[in-house]
Amino acid sequence: MNKELIATNLRNHHLKVTPQRLKIVESLNTFGHLNIDMLYQEVKEAYPNVSLATVYKNIAIMTENGLLEEVKVPESKSVFEIRKEPHLHLHCSECGKIEDFSFDTEQIRAHAEAVSGYSIQSSDIVLRGICPACQKKR
């Protein structure tokens, strides 16, 4: 995604286009999933005077406006990603890699609602295991 598409995406989510926001989305587009510290390092590399508070504030507003999504990873720091269609996450318990896994989460949601009586509003599904690369190292 080039800078103009990123800027359009920010505007579509009613967000002002700033250099820091462009860099955050660009970094997430490149790496997929990054925690706050990783995002801060990416932004700081491009804009050395940026503060950690600025990155936190931008992540919060972009998440509130639906552009980004927080992925809560058990026993790890949360990571952020650009919001896309519903999907699962695969987390390698050895190297820490997080990957998207396309899956129709609607089936799980509908079943959970039917069985529990809850009205499910969101879900964070993370499947933990050992990735193929780490399995080869064993």
Protein backbone atom coordinates (compact mmCIF):
# COMPACT_ATOMS: atom_id res chain seq x y z
CA MET A 1 0.00 0.00 0.00
CA ASN A 2 1.56 3.30 -1.05
CA LYS A 3 1.40 6.52 0.96
CA GLU A 4 -1.52 7.91 -1.02
CA LEU A 5 -3.62 4.78 -0.38
CA ILE A 6 -2.68 4.93 3.30
CA ALA A 7 -3.68 8.61 3.43
CA THR A 8 -7.01 7.79 1.77
CA ASN A 9 -7.56 4.96 4.26
CA LEU A 10 -6.90 7.37 7.15
CA ARG A 11 -9.35 9.92 5.72
CA ASN A 12 -11.96 7.18 5.18
CA HIS A 13 -11.76 6.49 8.91
CA HIS A 14 -12.22 10.22 9.69
CA LEU A 15 -8.60 10.63 10.75
CA LYS A 16 -6.27 13.51 10.03
CA VAL A 17 -3.29 12.48 7.91
CA THR A 18 -0.07 13.04 9.86
CA PRO A 19 3.45 11.78 9.15
CA GLN A 20 3.37 9.64 12.30
CA ARG A 21 0.06 8.00 11.36
CA LEU A 22 1.32 7.36 7.84
CA LYS A 23 4.42 5.67 9.25
CA ILE A 24 2.42 3.55 11.73
CA VAL A 25 0.08 2.24 9.02
CA GLU A 26 2.97 1.78 6.59
CA SER A 27 4.86 -0.28 9.20
CA LEU A 28 1.82 -2.44 9.97
CA ASN A 29 1.23 -2.92 6.27
CA THR A 30 4.85 -4.09 5.88
CA PHE A 31 5.19 -6.28 8.99
CA GLY A 32 1.59 -7.32 9.67
CA HIS A 33 1.59 -7.40 13.48
CA LEU A 34 3.66 -5.15 15.73
CA ASN A 35 3.50 -4.35 19.43
CA ILE A 36 3.67 -0.78 20.72
CA ASP A 37 7.44 -0.93 21.32
CA MET A 38 8.10 -2.15 17.78
CA LEU A 39 5.82 0.54 16.34
CA TYR A 40 7.57 3.18 18.41
CA GLN A 41 10.97 2.05 17.05
CA GLU A 42 9.66 2.15 13.48
CA VAL A 43 8.24 5.67 13.90
CA LYS A 44 11.26 6.91 15.85
CA GLU A 45 13.58 5.74 13.08
CA ALA A 46 11.75 8.00 10.64
CA TYR A 47 10.95 10.80 13.12
CA PRO A 48 13.63 10.83 15.87
CA ASN A 49 11.84 13.47 17.98
CA VAL A 50 8.58 11.53 18.29
CA SER A 51 7.57 10.53 21.82
CA LEU A 52 6.22 7.19 22.97
CA ALA A 53 3.12 9.04 24.19
CA THR A 54 2.47 10.30 20.65
CA VAL A 55 2.63 6.76 19.29
CA TYR A 56 0.29 5.49 22.05
CA LYS A 57 -2.16 8.32 21.36
CA ASN A 58 -2.15 7.68 17.60
CA ILE A 59 -2.61 3.93 18.03
CA ALA A 60 -5.51 4.55 20.42
CA ILE A 61 -7.34 6.93 18.09
CA MET A 62 -6.76 4.75 15.03
CA THR A 63 -8.10 1.74 16.96
CA GLU A 64 -11.13 3.71 18.21
CA ASN A 65 -11.88 4.80 14.64
CA GLY A 66 -11.74 1.24 13.32
CA LEU A 67 -8.61 1.48 11.19
CA LEU A 68 -6.46 -0.68 13.48
CA GLU A 69 -7.26 -3.62 15.67
CA GLU A 70 -5.59 -4.81 18.85
CA VAL A 71 -4.76 -8.51 18.98
CA LYS A 72 -4.39 -9.79 22.53
CA VAL A 73 -1.81 -12.55 22.57
CA PRO A 74 -1.71 -14.75 25.69
CA GLU A 75 1.48 -14.29 27.73
CA SER A 76 2.76 -11.61 25.32
CA LYS A 77 2.28 -7.94 24.64
CA SER A 78 -0.71 -7.08 22.50
CA VAL A 79 0.04 -6.44 18.86
CA PHE A 80 -1.77 -4.22 16.41
CA GLU A 81 -2.80 -4.84 12.83
CA ILE A 82 -4.71 -3.08 10.09
CA ARG A 83 -8.36 -4.13 10.45
CA LYS A 84 -9.51 -6.57 7.81
CA GLU A 85 -12.12 -9.29 7.40
CA PRO A 86 -12.69 -11.52 10.45
CA HIS A 87 -9.92 -14.08 10.89
CA LEU A 88 -8.00 -16.11 13.44
CA HIS A 89 -4.41 -15.67 14.55
CA LEU A 90 -1.75 -18.34 14.79
CA HIS A 91 0.92 -17.69 17.44
CA CYS A 92 4.17 -19.66 17.59
CA SER A 93 4.99 -20.32 21.23
CA GLU A 94 8.68 -20.73 20.38
CA CYS A 95 9.64 -17.82 18.08
CA GLY A 96 6.66 -15.55 18.86
CA LYS A 97 5.59 -15.11 15.23
CA ILE A 98 1.93 -14.17 14.70
CA GLU A 99 0.17 -14.94 11.45
CA ASP A 100 -3.33 -14.33 10.14
CA PHE A 101 -5.36 -17.40 9.31
CA SER A 102 -8.44 -16.94 7.14
CA PHE A 103 -11.42 -18.61 8.74
CA ASP A 104 -15.12 -17.85 8.82
CA THR A 105 -15.42 -16.84 12.48
CA GLU A 106 -19.16 -16.27 11.95
CA GLN A 107 -19.78 -19.99 12.54
CA ILE A 108 -18.08 -19.86 15.93
CA ARG A 109 -19.90 -16.65 16.89
CA ALA A 110 -23.30 -18.01 15.87
CA HIS A 111 -22.75 -21.25 17.77
CA ALA A 112 -21.57 -19.40 20.89
CA GLU A 113 -24.64 -17.14 20.77
CA ALA A 114 -27.00 -20.09 20.32
CA VAL A 115 -25.51 -22.07 23.19
CA SER A 116 -24.84 -19.24 25.66
CA GLY A 117 -27.60 -16.73 24.96
CA TYR A 118 -24.96 -13.99 24.70
CA SER A 119 -25.04 -11.42 21.93
CA ILE A 120 -21.42 -11.66 20.80
CA GLN A 121 -20.02 -8.30 19.74
CA SER A 122 -16.40 -9.16 19.04
CA SER A 123 -13.88 -11.96 19.31
CA ASP A 124 -10.14 -12.40 19.54
CA ILE A 125 -9.19 -15.93 18.60
CA VAL A 126 -5.54 -16.90 18.91
CA LEU A 127 -4.45 -20.47 18.32
CA ARG A 128 -1.09 -21.28 19.86
CA GLY A 129 1.34 -23.86 18.58
CA ILE A 130 4.71 -24.29 16.95
CA CYS A 131 5.25 -22.90 13.45
CA PRO A 132 6.73 -25.05 10.66
CA ALA A 133 10.12 -23.29 10.84
CA CYS A 134 10.47 -23.98 14.58
CA GLN A 135 9.31 -27.57 14.09
CA LYS A 136 12.16 -28.10 11.60
CA LYS A 137 14.69 -26.87 14.19
CA ARG A 138 13.70 -29.64 16.62
